[in-house]
Amino acid sequence: MSNETRDTIFIGKKPLMAYVTSTLIQLANLPTVSIKARGMSIGRAVDVAQIISRKTENAGYKIGDIRIGSETLESNDGKTRNVSTIEIEVKRNVSQ
């Protein structure tokens, strides 16, 4: 799998444009890229998808399926808690 191109961008605490750039680079090679985030990073994932779809309208990128859910995680004090998740699909128009 080390030679394959990753089709998923995991959102964390880097600057917003780092994720936008990374997603656009992947979209140059792949028809679809997934942007995934959980917890406090969900807003940043939505921002990344919106920047790509709105600011690059002429390039032909659009938002596809959006999946939301939750994961059960164990916190440092041993308690289990639910954390929200989101997965946003960004697609390149095939006609272009």
PDB file of N, CA and C in Angstrom:
ATOM      1  N   MET A   1       0.819  -1.200   0.000  1.00  0.00           N
ATOM      2  CA  MET A   1       0.000   0.000   0.000  1.00  0.00           C
ATOM      3  C   MET A   1       0.857   1.256   0.000  1.00  0.00           C
ATOM      4  N   SER A   2       2.138   1.143   0.228  1.00  0.00           N
ATOM      5  CA  SER A   2       2.998   2.317   0.299  1.00  0.00           C
ATOM      6  C   SER A   2       3.130   3.008  -1.052  1.00  0.00           C
ATOM      7  N   ASN A   3       2.923   2.294  -2.150  1.00  0.00           N
ATOM      8  CA  ASN A   3       3.034   2.896  -3.472  1.00  0.00           C
ATOM      9  C   ASN A   3       1.719   3.497  -3.954  1.00  0.00           C
ATOM     10  N   GLU A   4       0.633   3.205  -3.286  1.00  0.00           N
ATOM     11  CA  GLU A   4      -0.674   3.721  -3.687  1.00  0.00           C
ATOM     12  C   GLU A   4      -0.861   5.150  -3.190  1.00  0.00           C
ATOM     13  N   THR A   5      -1.667   5.914  -3.924  1.00  0.00           N
ATOM     14  CA  THR A   5      -2.000   7.271  -3.522  1.00  0.00           C
ATOM     15  C   THR A   5      -3.142   7.213  -2.525  1.00  0.00           C
ATOM     16  N   ARG A   6      -3.014   7.954  -1.433  1.00  0.00           N
ATOM     17  CA  ARG A   6      -4.075   7.952  -0.429  1.00  0.00           C
ATOM     18  C   ARG A   6      -5.245   8.791  -0.916  1.00  0.00           C
ATOM     19  N   ASP A   7      -6.434   8.278  -0.692  1.00  0.00           N
ATOM     20  CA  ASP A   7      -7.621   8.999  -1.120  1.00  0.00           C
ATOM     21  C   ASP A   7      -8.380   9.604   0.050  1.00  0.00           C
ATOM     22  N   THR A   8      -7.721   9.710   1.220  1.00  0.00           N
ATOM     23  CA  THR A   8      -8.361  10.256   2.412  1.00  0.00           C
ATOM     24  C   THR A   8      -7.457  11.314   3.029  1.00  0.00           C
ATOM     25  N   ILE A   9      -8.057  12.438   3.378  1.00  0.00           N
ATOM     26  CA  ILE A   9      -7.350  13.506   4.081  1.00  0.00           C
ATOM     27  C   ILE A   9      -7.948  13.567   5.483  1.00  0.00           C
ATOM     28  N   PHE A  10      -7.111  13.368   6.493  1.00  0.00           N
ATOM     29  CA  PHE A  10      -7.551  13.435   7.886  1.00  0.00           C
ATOM     30  C   PHE A  10      -7.281  14.841   8.415  1.00  0.00           C
ATOM     31  N   ILE A  11      -8.331  15.491   8.897  1.00  0.00           N
ATOM     32  CA  ILE A  11      -8.229  16.875   9.360  1.00  0.00           C
ATOM     33  C   ILE A  11      -7.797  16.892  10.824  1.00  0.00           C
ATOM     34  N   GLY A  12      -6.826  17.740  11.126  1.00  0.00           N
ATOM     35  CA  GLY A  12      -6.323  17.894  12.486  1.00  0.00           C
ATOM     36  C   GLY A  12      -6.148  19.357  12.832  1.00  0.00           C
ATOM     37  N   LYS A  13      -4.978  19.720  13.333  1.00  0.00           N
ATOM     38  CA  LYS A  13      -4.761  21.074  13.839  1.00  0.00           C
ATOM     39  C   LYS A  13      -3.845  21.925  12.976  1.00  0.00           C
ATOM     40  N   LYS A  14      -3.489  21.447  11.791  1.00  0.00           N
ATOM     41  CA  LYS A  14      -2.657  22.238  10.889  1.00  0.00           C
ATOM     42  C   LYS A  14      -3.465  23.415  10.360  1.00  0.00           C
ATOM     43  N   PRO A  15      -2.795  24.379   9.749  1.00  0.00           N
ATOM     44  CA  PRO A  15      -3.535  25.497   9.133  1.00  0.00           C
ATOM     45  C   PRO A  15      -4.487  25.008   8.044  1.00  0.00           C
ATOM     46  N   LEU A  16      -5.586  25.703   7.897  1.00  0.00           N
ATOM     47  CA  LEU A  16      -6.652  25.331   6.968  1.00  0.00           C
ATOM     48  C   LEU A  16      -6.141  25.120   5.550  1.00  0.00           C
ATOM     49  N   MET A  17      -5.313  26.029   5.062  1.00  0.00           N
ATOM     50  CA  MET A  17      -4.863  25.947   3.681  1.00  0.00           C
ATOM     51  C   MET A  17      -3.936  24.768   3.435  1.00  0.00           C
ATOM     52  N   ALA A  18      -3.330  24.226   4.463  1.00  0.00           N
ATOM     53  CA  ALA A  18      -2.509  23.019   4.295  1.00  0.00           C
ATOM     54  C   ALA A  18      -3.391  21.857   3.853  1.00  0.00           C
ATOM     55  N   TYR A  19      -4.583  21.750   4.420  1.00  0.00           N
ATOM     56  CA  TYR A  19      -5.514  20.687   4.050  1.00  0.00           C
ATOM     57  C   TYR A  19      -6.130  20.935   2.676  1.00  0.00           C
ATOM     58  N   VAL A  20      -6.404  22.201   2.357  1.00  0.00           N
ATOM     59  CA  VAL A  20      -6.939  22.533   1.034  1.00  0.00           C
ATOM     60  C   VAL A  20      -5.923  22.149  -0.038  1.00  0.00           C
ATOM     61  N   THR A  21      -4.669  22.523   0.172  1.00  0.00           N
ATOM     62  CA  THR A  21      -3.609  22.208  -0.786  1.00  0.00           C
ATOM     63  C   THR A  21      -3.434  20.704  -0.939  1.00  0.00           C
ATOM     64  N   SER A  22      -3.403  20.011   0.169  1.00  0.00           N
ATOM     65  CA  SER A  22      -3.239  18.560   0.140  1.00  0.00           C
ATOM     66  C   SER A  22      -4.386  17.884  -0.609  1.00  0.00           C
ATOM     67  N   THR A  23      -5.601  18.344  -0.377  1.00  0.00           N
ATOM     68  CA  THR A  23      -6.765  17.775  -1.061  1.00  0.00           C
ATOM     69  C   THR A  23      -6.708  18.047  -2.553  1.00  0.00           C
ATOM     70  N   LEU A  24      -6.325  19.263  -2.944  1.00  0.00           N
ATOM     71  CA  LEU A  24      -6.239  19.600  -4.372  1.00  0.00           C
ATOM     72  C   LEU A  24      -5.160  18.777  -5.073  1.00  0.00           C
ATOM     73  N   ILE A  25      -4.061  18.512  -4.392  1.00  0.00           N
ATOM     74  CA  ILE A  25      -3.001  17.681  -4.977  1.00  0.00           C
ATOM     75  C   ILE A  25      -3.527  16.267  -5.213  1.00  0.00           C
ATOM     76  N   GLN A  26      -4.263  15.727  -4.243  1.00  0.00           N
ATOM     77  CA  GLN A  26      -4.823  14.383  -4.406  1.00  0.00           C
ATOM     78  C   GLN A  26      -5.875  14.353  -5.512  1.00  0.00           C
ATOM     79  N   LEU A  27      -6.669  15.416  -5.634  1.00  0.00           N
ATOM     80  CA  LEU A  27      -7.701  15.461  -6.675  1.00  0.00           C
ATOM     81  C   LEU A  27      -7.104  15.549  -8.076  1.00  0.00           C
ATOM     82  N   ALA A  28      -5.857  16.011  -8.185  1.00  0.00           N
ATOM     83  CA  ALA A  28      -5.197  16.043  -9.486  1.00  0.00           C
ATOM     84  C   ALA A  28      -4.921  14.625  -9.989  1.00  0.00           C
ATOM     85  N   ASN A  29      -4.778  13.675  -9.054  1.00  0.00           N
ATOM     86  CA  ASN A  29      -4.452  12.292  -9.408  1.00  0.00           C
ATOM     87  C   ASN A  29      -5.631  11.333  -9.298  1.00  0.00           C
ATOM     88  N   LEU A  30      -6.613  11.676  -8.472  1.00  0.00           N
ATOM     89  CA  LEU A  30      -7.739  10.782  -8.194  1.00  0.00           C
ATOM     90  C   LEU A  30      -9.057  11.477  -8.508  1.00  0.00           C
ATOM     91  N   PRO A  31     -10.089  10.721  -8.902  1.00  0.00           N
ATOM     92  CA  PRO A  31     -11.385  11.354  -9.181  1.00  0.00           C
ATOM     93  C   PRO A  31     -12.156  11.747  -7.927  1.00  0.00           C
ATOM     94  N   THR A  32     -11.883  11.074  -6.790  1.00  0.00           N
ATOM     95  CA  THR A  32     -12.613  11.334  -5.555  1.00  0.00           C
ATOM     96  C   THR A  32     -11.658  11.277  -4.367  1.00  0.00           C
ATOM     97  N   VAL A  33     -11.808  12.243  -3.456  1.00  0.00           N
ATOM     98  CA  VAL A  33     -11.018  12.273  -2.226  1.00  0.00           C
ATOM     99  C   VAL A  33     -11.985  12.464  -1.059  1.00  0.00           C
ATOM    100  N   SER A  34     -11.756  11.737   0.035  1.00  0.00           N
ATOM    101  CA  SER A  34     -12.573  11.878   1.239  1.00  0.00           C
ATOM    102  C   SER A  34     -11.852  12.745   2.255  1.00  0.00           C
ATOM    103  N   ILE A  35     -12.583  13.674   2.846  1.00  0.00           N
ATOM    104  CA  ILE A  35     -12.066  14.511   3.927  1.00  0.00           C
ATOM    105  C   ILE A  35     -12.724  13.994   5.201  1.00  0.00           C
ATOM    106  N   LYS A  36     -11.916  13.542   6.164  1.00  0.00           N
ATOM    107  CA  LYS A  36     -12.455  12.972   7.396  1.00  0.00           C
ATOM    108  C   LYS A  36     -12.007  13.790   8.597  1.00  0.00           C
ATOM    109  N   ALA A  37     -12.929  13.933   9.553  1.00  0.00           N
ATOM    110  CA  ALA A  37     -12.610  14.641  10.791  1.00  0.00           C
ATOM    111  C   ALA A  37     -13.512  14.135  11.899  1.00  0.00           C
ATOM    112  N   ARG A  38     -13.093  14.394  13.125  1.00  0.00           N
ATOM    113  CA  ARG A  38     -13.942  14.067  14.266  1.00  0.00           C
ATOM    114  C   ARG A  38     -13.754  15.116  15.338  1.00  0.00           C
ATOM    115  N   GLY A  39     -14.790  15.237  16.164  1.00  0.00           N
ATOM    116  CA  GLY A  39     -14.733  16.167  17.287  1.00  0.00           C
ATOM    117  C   GLY A  39     -14.633  17.625  16.860  1.00  0.00           C
ATOM    118  N   MET A  40     -13.693  18.321  17.479  1.00  0.00           N
ATOM    119  CA  MET A  40     -13.547  19.756  17.254  1.00  0.00           C
ATOM    120  C   MET A  40     -13.048  20.100  15.851  1.00  0.00           C
ATOM    121  N   SER A  41     -12.566  19.135  15.098  1.00  0.00           N
ATOM    122  CA  SER A  41     -12.039  19.384  13.752  1.00  0.00           C
ATOM    123  C   SER A  41     -13.108  19.336  12.669  1.00  0.00           C
ATOM    124  N   ILE A  42     -14.344  19.022  13.026  1.00  0.00           N
ATOM    125  CA  ILE A  42     -15.407  18.902  12.027  1.00  0.00           C
ATOM    126  C   ILE A  42     -15.635  20.219  11.294  1.00  0.00           C
ATOM    127  N   GLY A  43     -15.641  21.320  12.002  1.00  0.00           N
ATOM    128  CA  GLY A  43     -15.832  22.627  11.367  1.00  0.00           C
ATOM    129  C   GLY A  43     -14.745  22.928  10.352  1.00  0.00           C
ATOM    130  N   ARG A  44     -13.514  22.551  10.665  1.00  0.00           N
ATOM    131  CA  ARG A  44     -12.398  22.773   9.751  1.00  0.00           C
ATOM    132  C   ARG A  44     -12.564  21.907   8.493  1.00  0.00           C
ATOM    133  N   ALA A  45     -13.063  20.680   8.648  1.00  0.00           N
ATOM    134  CA  ALA A  45     -13.298  19.808   7.487  1.00  0.00           C
ATOM    135  C   ALA A  45     -14.352  20.410   6.557  1.00  0.00           C
ATOM    136  N   VAL A  46     -15.403  20.964   7.134  1.00  0.00           N
ATOM    137  CA  VAL A  46     -16.440  21.611   6.333  1.00  0.00           C
ATOM    138  C   VAL A  46     -15.855  22.825   5.608  1.00  0.00           C
ATOM    139  N   ASP A  47     -15.025  23.597   6.291  1.00  0.00           N
ATOM    140  CA  ASP A  47     -14.380  24.751   5.663  1.00  0.00           C
ATOM    141  C   ASP A  47     -13.506  24.330   4.482  1.00  0.00           C
ATOM    142  N   VAL A  48     -12.744  23.266   4.634  1.00  0.00           N
ATOM    143  CA  VAL A  48     -11.887  22.769   3.555  1.00  0.00           C
ATOM    144  C   VAL A  48     -12.734  22.402   2.339  1.00  0.00           C
ATOM    145  N   ALA A  49     -13.805  21.658   2.551  1.00  0.00           N
ATOM    146  CA  ALA A  49     -14.673  21.247   1.442  1.00  0.00           C
ATOM    147  C   ALA A  49     -15.315  22.455   0.764  1.00  0.00           C
ATOM    148  N   GLN A  50     -15.738  23.444   1.554  1.00  0.00           N
ATOM    149  CA  GLN A  50     -16.368  24.634   0.984  1.00  0.00           C
ATOM    150  C   GLN A  50     -15.375  25.458   0.182  1.00  0.00           C
ATOM    151  N   ILE A  51     -14.165  25.601   0.670  1.00  0.00           N
ATOM    152  CA  ILE A  51     -13.148  26.362  -0.062  1.00  0.00           C
ATOM    153  C   ILE A  51     -12.877  25.696  -1.401  1.00  0.00           C
ATOM    154  N   ILE A  52     -12.754  24.373  -1.401  1.00  0.00           N
ATOM    155  CA  ILE A  52     -12.467  23.671  -2.650  1.00  0.00           C
ATOM    156  C   ILE A  52     -13.623  23.793  -3.626  1.00  0.00           C
ATOM    157  N   SER A  53     -14.847  23.634  -3.160  1.00  0.00           N
ATOM    158  CA  SER A  53     -15.988  23.666  -4.087  1.00  0.00           C
ATOM    159  C   SER A  53     -16.339  25.078  -4.546  1.00  0.00           C
ATOM    160  N   ARG A  54     -16.165  26.069  -3.705  1.00  0.00           N
ATOM    161  CA  ARG A  54     -16.560  27.434  -4.081  1.00  0.00           C
ATOM    162  C   ARG A  54     -15.452  28.220  -4.761  1.00  0.00           C
ATOM    163  N   LYS A  55     -14.256  28.144  -4.252  1.00  0.00           N
ATOM    164  CA  LYS A  55     -13.161  28.958  -4.794  1.00  0.00           C
ATOM    165  C   LYS A  55     -12.579  28.373  -6.064  1.00  0.00           C
ATOM    166  N   THR A  56     -12.837  27.109  -6.327  1.00  0.00           N
ATOM    167  CA  THR A  56     -12.292  26.482  -7.536  1.00  0.00           C
ATOM    168  C   THR A  56     -13.424  25.976  -8.427  1.00  0.00           C
ATOM    169  N   GLU A  57     -14.483  26.762  -8.546  1.00  0.00           N
ATOM    170  CA  GLU A  57     -15.639  26.366  -9.358  1.00  0.00           C
ATOM    171  C   GLU A  57     -15.231  26.080 -10.801  1.00  0.00           C
ATOM    172  N   ASN A  58     -14.323  26.879 -11.328  1.00  0.00           N
ATOM    173  CA  ASN A  58     -13.917  26.710 -12.717  1.00  0.00           C
ATOM    174  C   ASN A  58     -13.127  25.428 -12.927  1.00  0.00           C
ATOM    175  N   ALA A  59     -12.514  24.905 -11.877  1.00  0.00           N
ATOM    176  CA  ALA A  59     -11.749  23.666 -11.985  1.00  0.00           C
ATOM    177  C   ALA A  59     -12.661  22.440 -11.995  1.00  0.00           C
ATOM    178  N   GLY A  60     -13.906  22.595 -11.603  1.00  0.00           N
ATOM    179  CA  GLY A  60     -14.870  21.511 -11.706  1.00  0.00           C
ATOM    180  C   GLY A  60     -14.902  20.560 -10.528  1.00  0.00           C
ATOM    181  N   TYR A  61     -14.655  21.036  -9.321  1.00  0.00           N
ATOM    182  CA  TYR A  61     -14.742  20.189  -8.140  1.00  0.00           C
ATOM    183  C   TYR A  61     -16.094  20.395  -7.473  1.00  0.00           C
ATOM    184  N   LYS A  62     -16.657  19.307  -6.961  1.00  0.00           N
ATOM    185  CA  LYS A  62     -17.945  19.425  -6.278  1.00  0.00           C
ATOM    186  C   LYS A  62     -17.973  18.483  -5.079  1.00  0.00           C
ATOM    187  N   ILE A  63     -18.872  18.776  -4.150  1.00  0.00           N
ATOM    188  CA  ILE A  63     -19.025  17.963  -2.953  1.00  0.00           C
ATOM    189  C   ILE A  63     -19.970  16.817  -3.275  1.00  0.00           C
ATOM    190  N   GLY A  64     -19.567  15.608  -2.909  1.00  0.00           N
ATOM    191  CA  GLY A  64     -20.385  14.420  -3.134  1.00  0.00           C
ATOM    192  C   GLY A  64     -21.127  14.035  -1.863  1.00  0.00           C
ATOM    193  N   ASP A  65     -21.011  12.779  -1.473  1.00  0.00           N
ATOM    194  CA  ASP A  65     -21.697  12.270  -0.288  1.00  0.00           C
ATOM    195  C   ASP A  65     -21.079  12.833   0.983  1.00  0.00           C
ATOM    196  N   ILE A  66     -21.933  13.049   1.969  1.00  0.00           N
ATOM    197  CA  ILE A  66     -21.499  13.479   3.296  1.00  0.00           C
ATOM    198  C   ILE A  66     -22.051  12.480   4.297  1.00  0.00           C
ATOM    199  N   ARG A  67     -21.171  11.895   5.077  1.00  0.00           N
ATOM    200  CA  ARG A  67     -21.576  10.912   6.077  1.00  0.00           C
ATOM    201  C   ARG A  67     -21.209  11.425   7.461  1.00  0.00           C
ATOM    202  N   ILE A  68     -22.181  11.359   8.368  1.00  0.00           N
ATOM    203  CA  ILE A  68     -21.924  11.746   9.754  1.00  0.00           C
ATOM    204  C   ILE A  68     -22.155  10.546  10.653  1.00  0.00           C
ATOM    205  N   GLY A  69     -21.499  10.543  11.781  1.00  0.00           N
ATOM    206  CA  GLY A  69     -21.653   9.432  12.708  1.00  0.00           C
ATOM    207  C   GLY A  69     -20.991   9.767  14.030  1.00  0.00           C
ATOM    208  N   SER A  70     -20.742   8.730  14.818  1.00  0.00           N
ATOM    209  CA  SER A  70     -20.043   8.930  16.080  1.00  0.00           C
ATOM    210  C   SER A  70     -19.214   7.690  16.395  1.00  0.00           C
ATOM    211  N   GLU A  71     -18.151   7.909  17.152  1.00  0.00           N
ATOM    212  CA  GLU A  71     -17.272   6.837  17.605  1.00  0.00           C
ATOM    213  C   GLU A  71     -17.225   6.866  19.116  1.00  0.00           C
ATOM    214  N   THR A  72     -17.078   5.705  19.716  1.00  0.00           N
ATOM    215  CA  THR A  72     -16.934   5.620  21.160  1.00  0.00           C
ATOM    216  C   THR A  72     -15.448   5.531  21.480  1.00  0.00           C
ATOM    217  N   LEU A  73     -14.960   6.480  22.261  1.00  0.00           N
ATOM    218  CA  LEU A  73     -13.554   6.526  22.641  1.00  0.00           C
ATOM    219  C   LEU A  73     -13.426   6.497  24.154  1.00  0.00           C
ATOM    220  N   GLU A  74     -12.277   6.060  24.606  1.00  0.00           N
ATOM    221  CA  GLU A  74     -12.006   6.066  26.035  1.00  0.00           C
ATOM    222  C   GLU A  74     -11.100   7.259  26.346  1.00  0.00           C
ATOM    223  N   SER A  75     -11.536   8.117  27.276  1.00  0.00           N
ATOM    224  CA  SER A  75     -10.750   9.294  27.631  1.00  0.00           C
ATOM    225  C   SER A  75      -9.629   8.917  28.590  1.00  0.00           C
ATOM    226  N   ASN A  76      -8.784   9.889  28.899  1.00  0.00           N
ATOM    227  CA  ASN A  76      -7.624   9.639  29.770  1.00  0.00           C
ATOM    228  C   ASN A  76      -8.012   9.153  31.166  1.00  0.00           C
ATOM    229  N   ASP A  77      -9.173   9.573  31.630  1.00  0.00           N
ATOM    230  CA  ASP A  77      -9.601   9.157  32.977  1.00  0.00           C
ATOM    231  C   ASP A  77     -10.352   7.818  32.968  1.00  0.00           C
ATOM    232  N   GLY A  78     -10.402   7.147  31.813  1.00  0.00           N
ATOM    233  CA  GLY A  78     -11.001   5.824  31.734  1.00  0.00           C
ATOM    234  C   GLY A  78     -12.473   5.801  31.371  1.00  0.00           C
ATOM    235  N   LYS A  79     -13.101   6.953  31.251  1.00  0.00           N
ATOM    236  CA  LYS A  79     -14.516   7.004  30.892  1.00  0.00           C
ATOM    237  C   LYS A  79     -14.667   6.875  29.379  1.00  0.00           C
ATOM    238  N   THR A  80     -15.773   6.259  28.957  1.00  0.00           N
ATOM    239  CA  THR A  80     -16.054   6.196  27.528  1.00  0.00           C
ATOM    240  C   THR A  80     -16.940   7.372  27.160  1.00  0.00           C
ATOM    241  N   ARG A  81     -16.686   7.896  25.971  1.00  0.00           N
ATOM    242  CA  ARG A  81     -17.479   9.025  25.487  1.00  0.00           C
ATOM    243  C   ARG A  81     -17.653   8.909  23.987  1.00  0.00           C
ATOM    244  N   ASN A  82     -18.713   9.515  23.510  1.00  0.00           N
ATOM    245  CA  ASN A  82     -18.996   9.518  22.078  1.00  0.00           C
ATOM    246  C   ASN A  82     -18.401  10.763  21.443  1.00  0.00           C
ATOM    247  N   VAL A  83     -17.770  10.568  20.293  1.00  0.00           N
ATOM    248  CA  VAL A  83     -17.183  11.673  19.549  1.00  0.00           C
ATOM    249  C   VAL A  83     -17.806  11.682  18.161  1.00  0.00           C
ATOM    250  N   SER A  84     -18.297  12.833  17.734  1.00  0.00           N
ATOM    251  CA  SER A  84     -18.918  12.956  16.420  1.00  0.00           C
ATOM    252  C   SER A  84     -17.869  12.852  15.323  1.00  0.00           C
ATOM    253  N   THR A  85     -18.280  12.305  14.167  1.00  0.00           N
ATOM    254  CA  THR A  85     -17.386  12.181  13.015  1.00  0.00           C
ATOM    255  C   THR A  85     -18.092  12.668  11.761  1.00  0.00           C
ATOM    256  N   ILE A  86     -17.291  13.074  10.766  1.00  0.00           N
ATOM    257  CA  ILE A  86     -17.835  13.468   9.468  1.00  0.00           C
ATOM    258  C   ILE A  86     -16.877  13.005   8.389  1.00  0.00           C
ATOM    259  N   GLU A  87     -17.455  12.624   7.259  1.00  0.00           N
ATOM    260  CA  GLU A  87     -16.673  12.266   6.078  1.00  0.00           C
ATOM    261  C   GLU A  87     -17.320  12.965   4.891  1.00  0.00           C
ATOM    262  N   ILE A  88     -16.559  13.815   4.225  1.00  0.00           N
ATOM    263  CA  ILE A  88     -17.059  14.602   3.093  1.00  0.00           C
ATOM    264  C   ILE A  88     -16.316  14.144   1.849  1.00  0.00           C
ATOM    265  N   GLU A  89     -17.057  13.782   0.831  1.00  0.00           N
ATOM    266  CA  GLU A  89     -16.467  13.342  -0.427  1.00  0.00           C
ATOM    267  C   GLU A  89     -16.374  14.536  -1.373  1.00  0.00           C
ATOM    268  N   VAL A  90     -15.209  14.766  -1.924  1.00  0.00           N
ATOM    269  CA  VAL A  90     -15.012  15.817  -2.918  1.00  0.00           C
ATOM    270  C   VAL A  90     -14.666  15.133  -4.230  1.00  0.00           C
ATOM    271  N   LYS A  91     -15.419  15.494  -5.281  1.00  0.00           N
ATOM    272  CA  LYS A  91     -15.265  14.829  -6.574  1.00  0.00           C
ATOM    273  C   LYS A  91     -14.799  15.808  -7.639  1.00  0.00           C
ATOM    274  N   ARG A  92     -14.086  15.253  -8.577  1.00  0.00           N
ATOM    275  CA  ARG A  92     -13.681  16.013  -9.757  1.00  0.00           C
ATOM    276  C   ARG A  92     -14.668  15.679 -10.860  1.00  0.00           C
ATOM    277  N   ASN A  93     -15.177  16.682 -11.563  1.00  0.00           N
ATOM    278  CA  ASN A  93     -16.103  16.418 -12.656  1.00  0.00           C
ATOM    279  C   ASN A  93     -15.375  15.636 -13.744  1.00  0.00           C
ATOM    280  N   VAL A  94     -15.991  14.555 -14.189  1.00  0.00           N
ATOM    281  CA  VAL A  94     -15.362  13.685 -15.186  1.00  0.00           C
ATOM    282  C   VAL A  94     -15.321  14.349 -16.548  1.00  0.00           C
ATOM    283  N   SER A  95     -16.261  15.231 -16.830  1.00  0.00           N
ATOM    284  CA  SER A  95     -16.357  15.841 -18.153  1.00  0.00           C
ATOM    285  C   SER A  95     -15.218  16.802 -18.440  1.00  0.00           C
ATOM    286  N   GLN A  96     -14.466  17.179 -17.419  1.00  0.00           N
ATOM    287  CA  GLN A  96     -13.394  18.161 -17.648  1.00  0.00           C
ATOM    288  C   GLN A  96     -12.058  17.514 -17.775  1.00  0.00           C
TER     289      GLN A  96
END
